[in-house]
Amino acid sequence: MKIAVENGCFGYRKGEQLLQNVSLEASDGELVAILGPNGAGKTTMLRCMMGFLHWKSGRSAIDGKDIRSIPQRELWRTIAYVPQAKNTSAAYTAGEMVLLGRSSRIGVFSQPGAGDVQMADQVMERLGILHLKEKKCSEISGGELQMVLIARALASQPRILVLDEPESNLDFKNQLIVLETLSRLAAEGMICLFNTHYPAHALQRAGKSFLLCKDGSSIFGPTREVVTEANIRRAFGVQAVIGEVETPENVLRSVLPVGIVPEDWNEMEDAVVRSIVHKIASITILTNDYGMAGRINEILHRYSELIIGRMGMPYKKAGVYFITVALDGTEAKIHALGDALSLLPGVSVKTVFAREEEGIELYG
């Protein structure tokens, strides 16, 4: 399945162009981050994409079919939407709110059955919120309510999940629960798109990113190519440093804002030149989830032109599988392979480049 926006344009008032020629797409198993400053139109873009608002020109499509031509009941069996946790009815308990997600799966005049209740409970348990089941939505925190809304969306068993700033009102632990859930859902084949204020979350989780600027322009593509220091300056007006943080299990990319860009900053004078020099590197992959083997092999196959050697070894005593891959390619492509592997849940990845002697090209 694929959802796409094709040259979408939108403005609330006549003559206004809030969104200009928006184009993006996501297929089965992809996690896409949508970023941009406040007021750039991220939520509006999501609402247009799902048909809540009508594009002035362009269209949204699922598997090539215009979203406006899809019957509403069929559409909402395919897509689930998680809005920001605001203005939710206080009359419902958390369990009742999650059960509402089953409405697209039952008849118009039917009552939820035992299977529907079981599905709602399973989703709440998966997100660690089953203990909230009997509490009124008015009696739980904003972060807990956000988790309930995510559970409601998952209860509908969608193929496409769209979330509007799902981690904004959550503490660190619940942010990780949400992000881990999105990674796992994508690994299981679901299409997931989420608005976020955190470029680091995009770098660490999303294979593709869509960056919306205040002038209505946008950039879409692989996250490493979209979420760059230059593009952050352009979109947010902020000088940022993108670096790597090494943990015992992985190497994570993060973003640190360090200053506000002066208004007279000239993008053309600050262009980034990308390296085309080949390098030798190795990637080490560790996982205790044998179910990820197929996804790992699929990604390695996509980058087969880089691979000059590979060795895999199971350590059955510890239930861990090791894979080491030797690579020859540009730094950008090698990083792209590492990024794709690191997005798999339960997989630890580390990339190491061969040292170059000063003044001597290792490979050119």
Protein backbone atom coordinates (compact mmCIF):
# COMPACT_ATOMS: atom_id res chain seq x y z
CA MET A 1 0.00 0.00 0.00
CA LYS A 2 1.14 3.57 -0.63
CA ILE A 3 -0.21 6.96 0.44
CA ALA A 4 0.96 10.00 -1.52
CA VAL A 5 0.44 13.73 -1.78
CA GLU A 6 0.94 15.04 -5.30
CA ASN A 7 1.67 18.76 -5.78
CA GLY A 8 -0.73 19.82 -3.02
CA CYS A 9 -1.40 23.56 -2.59
CA PHE A 10 -3.56 25.12 0.12
CA GLY A 11 -4.45 28.45 1.70
CA TYR A 12 -7.22 29.41 4.13
CA ARG A 13 -7.89 32.76 2.50
CA LYS A 14 -8.19 33.76 -1.13
CA GLY A 15 -4.81 34.60 -2.58
CA GLU A 16 -2.99 32.99 0.37
CA GLN A 17 -0.63 30.08 -0.27
CA LEU A 18 0.21 28.41 3.04
CA LEU A 19 1.34 25.18 1.38
CA GLN A 20 3.02 25.16 -2.03
CA ASN A 21 3.41 22.10 -4.26
CA VAL A 22 3.61 19.64 -1.37
CA SER A 23 4.69 16.17 -2.52
CA LEU A 24 5.50 13.15 -0.38
CA GLU A 25 4.82 9.43 -0.28
CA ALA A 26 5.03 6.54 2.15
CA SER A 27 4.76 2.81 1.50
CA ASP A 28 4.25 -0.27 3.66
CA GLY A 29 6.77 -0.46 6.48
CA GLU A 30 7.92 3.17 6.26
CA LEU A 31 8.07 5.62 9.15
CA VAL A 32 7.95 9.24 7.95
CA ALA A 33 8.60 12.30 10.13
CA ILE A 34 7.07 15.70 9.33
CA LEU A 35 8.95 18.68 10.71
CA GLY A 36 8.72 22.45 10.59
CA PRO A 37 8.48 25.55 12.76
CA ASN A 38 5.29 26.65 14.51
CA GLY A 39 2.88 28.20 12.04
CA ALA A 40 4.39 26.54 8.98
CA GLY A 41 1.26 24.42 8.42
CA LYS A 42 2.21 20.90 9.56
CA THR A 43 -1.20 20.08 11.05
CA THR A 44 -2.94 21.71 8.09
CA MET A 45 -0.89 19.54 5.75
CA LEU A 46 -1.96 16.40 7.60
CA ARG A 47 -5.62 17.47 7.50
CA CYS A 48 -5.40 18.09 3.75
CA MET A 49 -3.63 14.78 3.22
CA MET A 50 -6.46 12.88 4.94
CA GLY A 51 -9.27 14.84 3.27
CA PHE A 52 -10.48 16.88 6.28
CA LEU A 53 -9.53 19.95 4.22
CA HIS A 54 -9.56 20.11 0.42
CA TRP A 55 -6.42 20.91 -1.51
CA LYS A 56 -6.83 24.02 -3.70
CA SER A 57 -4.86 22.07 -6.29
CA GLY A 58 -3.10 18.73 -6.31
CA ARG A 59 -4.41 15.66 -4.53
CA SER A 60 -3.92 12.92 -1.94
CA ALA A 61 -4.05 9.32 -3.13
CA ILE A 62 -3.95 5.81 -1.71
CA ASP A 63 -2.56 3.27 -4.18
CA GLY A 64 -3.13 5.83 -6.93
CA LYS A 65 -6.80 6.40 -6.05
CA ASP A 66 -7.87 9.94 -5.14
CA ILE A 67 -8.72 9.95 -1.44
CA ARG A 68 -11.92 11.93 -2.10
CA SER A 69 -13.30 9.07 -4.21
CA ILE A 70 -12.84 6.45 -1.46
CA PRO A 71 -16.01 5.75 0.59
CA GLN A 72 -15.65 7.14 4.11
CA ARG A 73 -16.14 3.83 5.88
CA GLU A 74 -13.50 2.15 3.69
CA LEU A 75 -11.14 5.10 4.14
CA TRP A 76 -11.30 5.04 7.95
CA ARG A 77 -10.71 1.32 8.02
CA THR A 78 -7.45 2.08 6.22
CA ILE A 79 -6.30 5.25 8.01
CA ALA A 80 -6.31 6.06 11.73
CA TYR A 81 -5.61 9.60 12.94
CA VAL A 82 -4.26 10.62 16.33
CA PRO A 83 -4.87 14.34 16.97
CA GLN A 84 -3.17 16.38 19.66
CA ALA A 85 -4.64 15.63 23.09
CA LYS A 86 -7.07 18.57 23.28
CA ASN A 87 -10.82 19.01 23.76
CA THR A 88 -11.48 15.33 24.35
CA SER A 89 -14.85 14.47 25.93
CA ALA A 90 -14.52 14.01 29.70
CA ALA A 91 -17.61 11.77 29.79
CA TYR A 92 -15.73 8.69 28.55
CA THR A 93 -13.46 6.41 30.51
CA ALA A 94 -10.10 5.62 28.93
CA GLY A 95 -11.34 2.12 28.09
CA GLU A 96 -14.46 3.48 26.39
CA MET A 97 -12.36 5.97 24.44
CA VAL A 98 -10.12 3.19 23.12
CA LEU A 99 -13.15 1.03 22.29
CA LEU A 100 -14.44 3.85 20.06
CA GLY A 101 -11.57 2.96 17.74
CA ARG A 102 -13.47 -0.22 16.84
CA SER A 103 -16.38 1.78 15.37
CA SER A 104 -15.09 1.43 11.79
CA ARG A 105 -15.02 -2.37 12.23
CA ILE A 106 -18.61 -2.91 13.44
CA GLY A 107 -21.99 -2.23 11.89
CA VAL A 108 -23.66 1.18 12.16
CA PHE A 109 -26.34 -0.09 14.57
CA SER A 110 -24.24 -2.81 16.21
CA GLN A 111 -22.73 -2.92 19.69
CA PRO A 112 -19.07 -3.80 20.35
CA GLY A 113 -18.64 -7.51 20.95
CA ALA A 114 -16.31 -9.47 23.20
CA GLY A 115 -13.70 -9.54 20.45
CA ASP A 116 -13.76 -5.75 20.18
CA VAL A 117 -13.30 -5.35 23.93
CA GLN A 118 -10.45 -7.85 23.87
CA MET A 119 -8.74 -5.99 21.04
CA ALA A 120 -9.04 -2.67 22.93
CA ASP A 121 -7.60 -4.25 26.07
CA GLN A 122 -4.69 -5.78 24.12
CA VAL A 123 -3.78 -2.40 22.63
CA MET A 124 -3.93 -0.67 26.02
CA GLU A 125 -1.74 -3.39 27.53
CA ARG A 126 0.77 -3.04 24.69
CA LEU A 127 1.08 0.68 25.42
CA GLY A 128 1.28 0.12 29.18
CA ILE A 129 -1.97 1.97 29.98
CA LEU A 130 -4.37 -0.85 30.85
CA HIS A 131 -4.40 0.43 34.45
CA LEU A 132 -6.17 3.57 33.16
CA LYS A 133 -9.10 1.62 31.70
CA GLU A 134 -11.71 2.64 34.28
CA LYS A 135 -10.52 6.22 34.77
CA LYS A 136 -12.38 9.16 33.24
CA CYS A 137 -10.44 10.99 30.54
CA SER A 138 -10.86 14.13 32.65
CA GLU A 139 -9.01 12.45 35.53
CA ILE A 140 -5.79 11.55 33.71
CA SER A 141 -2.83 13.69 32.71
CA GLY A 142 -2.32 15.18 29.26
CA GLY A 143 0.43 12.67 28.56
CA GLU A 144 -1.77 9.75 29.60
CA LEU A 145 -4.58 11.08 27.42
CA GLN A 146 -2.21 11.20 24.46
CA MET A 147 -1.41 7.52 25.00
CA VAL A 148 -5.14 6.73 25.16
CA LEU A 149 -5.72 8.46 21.81
CA ILE A 150 -2.90 6.45 20.24
CA ALA A 151 -4.46 3.27 21.63
CA ARG A 152 -7.84 4.29 20.17
CA ALA A 153 -6.24 4.63 16.72
CA LEU A 154 -4.46 1.27 16.95
CA ALA A 155 -7.67 -0.46 18.05
CA SER A 156 -9.07 0.14 14.55
CA GLN A 157 -6.26 -2.02 13.08
CA PRO A 158 -5.33 0.51 10.39
CA ARG A 159 -2.87 0.07 7.51
CA ILE A 160 -1.87 3.74 7.79
CA LEU A 161 -1.34 5.60 11.09
CA VAL A 162 -1.12 9.41 11.13
CA LEU A 163 -0.14 11.20 14.35
CA ASP A 164 -0.07 14.92 15.13
CA GLU A 165 2.81 15.61 17.56
CA PRO A 166 2.31 12.35 19.49
CA GLU A 167 5.28 12.87 21.85
CA SER A 168 4.85 16.59 22.61
CA ASN A 169 3.04 16.23 25.97
CA LEU A 170 4.90 13.15 27.19
CA ASP A 171 7.76 12.62 29.61
CA PHE A 172 10.95 10.86 28.47
CA LYS A 173 9.69 7.37 29.29
CA ASN A 174 6.39 7.76 27.46
CA GLN A 175 8.12 9.45 24.51
CA LEU A 176 10.26 6.33 24.18
CA ILE A 177 7.21 4.07 24.47
CA VAL A 178 5.52 5.96 21.62
CA LEU A 179 8.64 6.01 19.43
CA GLU A 180 9.38 2.32 20.07
CA THR A 181 5.75 1.52 19.24
CA LEU A 182 5.97 3.43 15.94
CA SER A 183 9.24 1.68 15.05
CA ARG A 184 7.73 -1.72 15.79
CA LEU A 185 4.53 -0.98 13.84
CA ALA A 186 6.58 0.12 10.83
CA ALA A 187 8.73 -3.02 11.12
CA GLU A 188 5.51 -5.04 11.04
CA GLY A 189 4.52 -3.35 7.76
CA MET A 190 2.32 -0.42 8.82
CA ILE A 191 2.73 3.02 7.24
CA CYS A 192 3.34 5.58 10.00
CA LEU A 193 3.53 9.37 9.57
CA PHE A 194 4.01 11.75 12.50
CA ASN A 195 4.40 15.47 13.06
CA THR A 196 7.17 16.31 15.49
CA HIS A 197 9.02 19.26 17.00
CA TYR A 198 12.09 17.07 17.60
CA PRO A 199 14.53 16.74 14.67
CA ALA A 200 16.48 14.18 16.74
CA HIS A 201 13.43 11.90 16.77
CA ALA A 202 13.32 12.05 12.99
CA LEU A 203 17.05 11.27 12.73
CA GLN A 204 16.80 8.32 15.12
CA ARG A 205 13.52 6.81 13.94
CA ALA A 206 12.34 7.90 10.50
CA GLY A 207 13.62 6.53 7.22
CA LYS A 208 12.16 9.53 5.37
CA SER A 209 11.38 13.07 6.47
CA PHE A 210 9.30 15.97 5.19
CA LEU A 211 10.53 19.43 6.21
CA LEU A 212 8.10 22.33 5.85
CA CYS A 213 9.38 25.91 5.79
CA LYS A 214 7.45 29.05 6.76
CA ASP A 215 7.47 30.31 3.16
CA GLY A 216 5.37 27.27 2.15
CA SER A 217 8.21 25.42 0.44
CA SER A 218 9.19 21.93 1.51
CA ILE A 219 11.84 19.23 1.25
CA PHE A 220 11.17 15.48 1.18
CA GLY A 221 13.53 12.53 1.05
CA PRO A 222 15.79 10.27 3.12
CA THR A 223 16.05 11.69 6.63
CA ARG A 224 19.85 12.07 6.55
CA GLU A 225 19.53 14.24 3.42
CA VAL A 226 16.59 16.30 4.73
CA VAL A 227 17.50 16.88 8.39
CA THR A 228 20.81 18.66 7.91
CA GLU A 229 22.36 21.65 9.66
CA ALA A 230 21.80 23.77 6.53
CA ASN A 231 18.13 22.79 6.20
CA ILE A 232 17.49 23.39 9.90
CA ARG A 233 18.90 26.91 9.48
CA ARG A 234 16.65 27.49 6.50
CA ALA A 235 13.43 26.14 8.04
CA PHE A 236 13.77 27.10 11.71
CA GLY A 237 16.16 30.06 11.58
CA VAL A 238 18.36 28.27 14.10
CA GLN A 239 22.04 27.40 14.01
CA ALA A 240 22.24 23.73 15.03
CA VAL A 241 24.92 21.09 15.35
CA ILE A 242 24.19 17.50 14.35
CA GLY A 243 26.42 15.01 16.11
CA GLU A 244 26.62 11.39 17.14
CA VAL A 245 26.15 10.01 20.64
CA GLU A 246 27.58 6.55 21.29
CA THR A 247 25.69 4.28 23.68
CA PRO A 248 26.67 0.73 24.68
CA GLU A 249 24.18 -0.59 22.11
CA ASN A 250 24.16 1.94 19.30
CA VAL A 251 25.38 5.19 17.77
CA LEU A 252 22.57 7.76 17.74
CA ARG A 253 22.38 11.03 15.84
CA SER A 254 21.17 14.07 17.76
CA VAL A 255 20.57 17.76 17.15
CA LEU A 256 21.73 20.56 19.45
CA PRO A 257 20.46 24.12 18.79
CA VAL A 258 23.26 26.60 19.53
CA GLY A 259 22.04 29.99 18.31
CA ILE A 260 19.54 32.06 16.34
CA VAL A 261 20.47 32.75 12.73
CA PRO A 262 20.75 36.47 11.85
CA GLU A 263 18.00 37.78 9.58
CA ASP A 264 20.54 38.70 6.88
CA TRP A 265 21.85 35.11 6.62
CA ASN A 266 22.25 34.11 2.96
CA GLU A 267 21.57 30.48 2.19
CA MET A 268 23.49 30.56 -1.08
CA GLU A 269 26.65 31.68 0.72
CA ASP A 270 26.38 28.78 3.16
CA ALA A 271 25.87 25.83 0.78
CA VAL A 272 27.06 22.41 1.88
CA VAL A 273 29.37 20.47 -0.44
CA ARG A 274 28.81 16.71 -0.25
CA SER A 275 31.73 14.31 -0.32
CA ILE A 276 32.11 11.95 -3.31
CA VAL A 277 35.31 10.22 -2.14
CA HIS A 278 35.08 6.46 -1.58
CA LYS A 279 35.86 5.10 1.87
CA ILE A 280 36.36 1.71 3.45
CA ALA A 281 34.17 0.92 6.45
CA SER A 282 32.58 -1.87 8.44
CA ILE A 283 29.15 -2.14 10.01
CA THR A 284 28.54 -4.43 12.95
CA ILE A 285 24.96 -5.57 13.55
CA LEU A 286 23.72 -7.30 16.71
CA THR A 287 20.21 -8.54 17.38
CA ASN A 288 18.48 -11.02 19.67
CA ASP A 289 15.32 -10.88 17.56
CA TYR A 290 15.71 -13.53 14.88
CA GLY A 291 12.48 -12.23 13.38
CA MET A 292 14.45 -9.21 12.13
CA ALA A 293 16.79 -11.36 10.01
CA GLY A 294 14.62 -11.01 6.93
CA ARG A 295 14.44 -7.21 7.25
CA ILE A 296 18.22 -6.99 7.80
CA ASN A 297 18.91 -9.08 4.69
CA GLU A 298 16.42 -7.03 2.68
CA ILE A 299 18.24 -3.79 3.57
CA LEU A 300 21.68 -5.28 2.90
CA HIS A 301 20.46 -6.46 -0.50
CA ARG A 302 19.37 -2.90 -1.37
CA TYR A 303 22.93 -1.71 -0.72
CA SER A 304 24.67 -4.76 -2.24
CA GLU A 305 26.90 -2.61 -4.47
CA LEU A 306 28.71 -1.37 -1.34
CA ILE A 307 29.38 -4.78 0.19
CA ILE A 308 32.82 -6.37 -0.27
CA GLY A 309 32.47 -9.02 2.44
CA ARG A 310 30.09 -10.30 5.07
CA MET A 311 30.25 -12.63 8.06
CA GLY A 312 27.41 -13.78 10.31
CA MET A 313 27.56 -15.84 13.47
CA PRO A 314 24.86 -16.93 15.95
CA TYR A 315 25.77 -17.07 19.64
CA LYS A 316 23.06 -19.46 20.75
CA LYS A 317 24.06 -19.46 24.43
CA ALA A 318 23.15 -15.76 24.70
CA GLY A 319 20.50 -15.78 21.98
CA VAL A 320 22.36 -13.11 19.98
CA TYR A 321 23.20 -12.98 16.29
CA PHE A 322 26.27 -11.06 15.02
CA ILE A 323 26.72 -9.77 11.48
CA THR A 324 29.78 -7.84 10.27
CA VAL A 325 29.72 -6.26 6.81
CA ALA A 326 32.77 -4.78 5.02
CA LEU A 327 31.95 -1.85 2.75
CA ASP A 328 33.45 0.27 -0.02
CA GLY A 329 31.49 3.37 -1.03
CA THR A 330 30.88 7.05 -0.43
CA GLU A 331 30.47 8.17 3.16
CA ALA A 332 26.91 9.30 2.43
CA LYS A 333 25.85 5.87 1.10
CA ILE A 334 27.55 4.00 3.94
CA HIS A 335 25.78 6.23 6.48
CA ALA A 336 22.49 5.68 4.64
CA LEU A 337 22.90 1.90 5.04
CA GLY A 338 23.72 2.31 8.73
CA ASP A 339 20.72 4.57 9.22
CA ALA A 340 18.35 2.10 7.54
CA LEU A 341 19.59 -0.75 9.75
CA SER A 342 19.47 1.31 12.96
CA LEU A 343 15.77 2.04 12.41
CA LEU A 344 14.92 -1.63 12.90
CA PRO A 345 13.63 -2.27 16.45
CA GLY A 346 15.78 -4.59 18.55
CA VAL A 347 18.82 -4.11 16.32
CA SER A 348 22.10 -2.49 17.44
CA VAL A 349 24.34 -1.00 14.75
CA LYS A 350 27.79 0.58 14.74
CA THR A 351 29.67 1.97 11.74
CA VAL A 352 33.46 2.34 11.75
CA PHE A 353 35.50 3.99 8.97
CA ALA A 354 39.07 2.96 8.16
CA ARG A 355 41.64 5.51 9.30
CA GLU A 356 43.26 7.58 6.54
CA GLU A 357 46.93 8.59 6.65
CA GLU A 358 47.41 12.35 6.63
CA GLY A 359 47.83 13.67 3.12
CA ILE A 360 47.07 10.29 1.52
CA GLU A 361 43.71 9.25 0.04
CA LEU A 362 42.79 5.76 1.21
CA TYR A 363 40.76 5.24 -1.94
CA GLY A 364 39.95 7.67 -4.72
